[in-house]
């Protein structure tokens, strides 16, 4: 069965954000300042998202 639209949206966004952040950190060689510049995220938000998605070196 299909999930509710809200659940579907959340899962798509979560997968997309995780992929984006993984690619971002690989492409910037884990240079947080550069990753913030590229993504437009503030340092605290970037760290929060990395923690949320379990992304680490």
N, C-alpha and C. Protein backbone atom coordinates (compact mmCIF):
# COMPACT_ATOMS: atom_id res chain seq x y z
N UNK A 1 0.82 -1.21 0.00
CA UNK A 1 0.00 0.00 0.00
C UNK A 1 0.86 1.26 0.00
N UNK A 2 0.33 2.28 -0.56
CA UNK A 2 1.03 3.56 -0.60
C UNK A 2 0.98 4.24 0.77
N UNK A 3 2.07 4.92 1.12
CA UNK A 3 2.03 5.70 2.37
C UNK A 3 1.21 6.96 2.15
N UNK A 4 0.86 7.62 3.23
CA UNK A 4 0.19 8.90 3.10
C UNK A 4 1.16 9.88 2.44
N UNK A 5 0.61 10.86 1.75
CA UNK A 5 1.43 11.81 1.01
C UNK A 5 2.44 12.50 1.91
N UNK A 6 2.02 12.88 3.11
CA UNK A 6 2.92 13.57 4.04
C UNK A 6 4.14 12.69 4.37
N UNK A 7 3.90 11.42 4.65
CA UNK A 7 5.00 10.49 4.94
C UNK A 7 5.91 10.31 3.73
N UNK A 8 5.29 10.22 2.56
CA UNK A 8 6.06 10.06 1.33
C UNK A 8 6.96 11.27 1.11
N UNK A 9 6.41 12.47 1.27
CA UNK A 9 7.21 13.69 1.10
C UNK A 9 8.39 13.72 2.06
N UNK A 10 8.11 13.39 3.32
CA UNK A 10 9.17 13.41 4.33
C UNK A 10 10.29 12.44 3.98
N UNK A 11 9.94 11.26 3.50
CA UNK A 11 10.97 10.28 3.17
C UNK A 11 11.78 10.71 1.95
N UNK A 12 11.12 11.32 0.98
CA UNK A 12 11.83 11.81 -0.22
C UNK A 12 12.77 12.94 0.16
N UNK A 13 12.30 13.85 0.98
CA UNK A 13 13.14 14.97 1.41
C UNK A 13 14.33 14.46 2.21
N UNK A 14 14.09 13.53 3.11
CA UNK A 14 15.17 12.99 3.94
C UNK A 14 16.24 12.31 3.07
N UNK A 15 15.81 11.49 2.12
CA UNK A 15 16.77 10.82 1.23
C UNK A 15 17.55 11.84 0.40
N UNK A 16 16.86 12.85 -0.10
CA UNK A 16 17.50 13.87 -0.92
C UNK A 16 18.50 14.69 -0.11
N UNK A 17 18.11 15.08 1.09
CA UNK A 17 19.02 15.86 1.95
C UNK A 17 20.25 15.04 2.31
N UNK A 18 20.06 13.78 2.65
CA UNK A 18 21.20 12.94 3.02
C UNK A 18 22.16 12.79 1.85
N UNK A 19 21.62 12.56 0.65
CA UNK A 19 22.46 12.43 -0.55
C UNK A 19 23.20 13.74 -0.81
N UNK A 20 22.49 14.86 -0.73
CA UNK A 20 23.11 16.16 -0.96
C UNK A 20 24.25 16.39 0.02
N UNK A 21 23.99 16.15 1.30
CA UNK A 21 25.00 16.40 2.32
C UNK A 21 26.20 15.47 2.17
N UNK A 22 25.95 14.22 1.84
CA UNK A 22 27.05 13.27 1.61
C UNK A 22 27.92 13.74 0.45
N UNK A 23 27.28 14.11 -0.65
CA UNK A 23 28.03 14.61 -1.82
C UNK A 23 28.76 15.91 -1.48
N UNK A 24 28.10 16.79 -0.76
CA UNK A 24 28.70 18.07 -0.37
C UNK A 24 29.98 17.84 0.42
N UNK A 25 29.92 16.98 1.42
CA UNK A 25 31.08 16.76 2.27
C UNK A 25 32.21 16.06 1.51
N UNK A 26 31.87 15.15 0.62
CA UNK A 26 32.90 14.50 -0.20
C UNK A 26 33.56 15.51 -1.13
N UNK A 27 32.76 16.35 -1.78
CA UNK A 27 33.30 17.30 -2.75
C UNK A 27 34.11 18.41 -2.10
N UNK A 28 33.82 18.72 -0.84
CA UNK A 28 34.57 19.76 -0.15
C UNK A 28 35.65 19.17 0.76
N UNK A 29 35.86 17.87 0.65
CA UNK A 29 36.87 17.16 1.46
C UNK A 29 36.70 17.47 2.95
N UNK A 30 35.46 17.54 3.37
CA UNK A 30 35.11 17.78 4.77
C UNK A 30 35.61 19.13 5.29
N UNK A 31 35.77 20.09 4.39
CA UNK A 31 36.11 21.46 4.79
C UNK A 31 34.79 22.16 5.14
N UNK A 32 34.53 22.30 6.42
CA UNK A 32 33.25 22.82 6.89
C UNK A 32 32.98 24.23 6.36
N UNK A 33 33.99 25.08 6.38
CA UNK A 33 33.80 26.46 5.89
C UNK A 33 33.40 26.46 4.42
N UNK A 34 34.08 25.66 3.62
CA UNK A 34 33.76 25.57 2.20
C UNK A 34 32.36 24.96 2.00
N UNK A 35 32.04 23.95 2.78
CA UNK A 35 30.72 23.32 2.68
C UNK A 35 29.61 24.33 3.01
N UNK A 36 29.86 25.17 3.99
CA UNK A 36 28.88 26.21 4.34
C UNK A 36 28.74 27.22 3.21
N UNK A 37 29.85 27.61 2.60
CA UNK A 37 29.81 28.56 1.48
C UNK A 37 29.03 27.98 0.30
N UNK A 38 29.32 26.73 -0.03
CA UNK A 38 28.67 26.08 -1.17
C UNK A 38 27.17 25.90 -0.93
N UNK A 39 26.82 25.44 0.26
CA UNK A 39 25.43 25.10 0.55
C UNK A 39 24.57 26.28 1.00
N UNK A 40 25.23 27.32 1.49
CA UNK A 40 24.47 28.45 2.03
C UNK A 40 23.96 28.20 3.44
N UNK A 41 24.42 27.11 4.05
CA UNK A 41 24.00 26.78 5.42
C UNK A 41 24.93 27.43 6.43
N UNK A 42 24.38 27.75 7.58
CA UNK A 42 25.21 28.20 8.69
C UNK A 42 25.88 26.98 9.30
N UNK A 43 27.02 27.19 9.91
CA UNK A 43 27.82 26.10 10.48
C UNK A 43 26.99 25.22 11.44
N UNK A 44 26.26 25.85 12.34
CA UNK A 44 25.47 25.09 13.32
C UNK A 44 24.42 24.21 12.63
N UNK A 45 23.77 24.75 11.61
CA UNK A 45 22.75 23.97 10.89
C UNK A 45 23.38 22.82 10.13
N UNK A 46 24.54 23.05 9.53
CA UNK A 46 25.23 21.97 8.82
C UNK A 46 25.58 20.85 9.78
N UNK A 47 26.15 21.19 10.92
CA UNK A 47 26.49 20.16 11.91
C UNK A 47 25.23 19.42 12.38
N UNK A 48 24.15 20.15 12.56
CA UNK A 48 22.89 19.54 13.00
C UNK A 48 22.40 18.52 11.96
N UNK A 49 22.43 18.90 10.69
CA UNK A 49 21.98 17.99 9.64
C UNK A 49 22.89 16.77 9.51
N UNK A 50 24.19 16.98 9.62
CA UNK A 50 25.13 15.85 9.55
C UNK A 50 24.83 14.86 10.67
N UNK A 51 24.56 15.38 11.85
CA UNK A 51 24.25 14.52 12.99
C UNK A 51 22.91 13.80 12.76
N UNK A 52 21.93 14.54 12.30
CA UNK A 52 20.60 13.97 12.06
C UNK A 52 20.66 12.78 11.12
N UNK A 53 21.46 12.91 10.06
CA UNK A 53 21.54 11.86 9.06
C UNK A 53 22.68 10.88 9.30
N UNK A 54 23.39 11.03 10.40
CA UNK A 54 24.45 10.08 10.74
C UNK A 54 25.60 10.11 9.76
N UNK A 55 25.91 11.29 9.24
CA UNK A 55 26.99 11.43 8.26
C UNK A 55 28.26 11.84 8.99
N UNK A 56 29.30 11.04 8.83
CA UNK A 56 30.59 11.36 9.44
C UNK A 56 31.70 10.87 8.52
N UNK A 57 32.90 11.34 8.82
CA UNK A 57 34.06 10.97 8.00
C UNK A 57 34.25 9.47 8.00
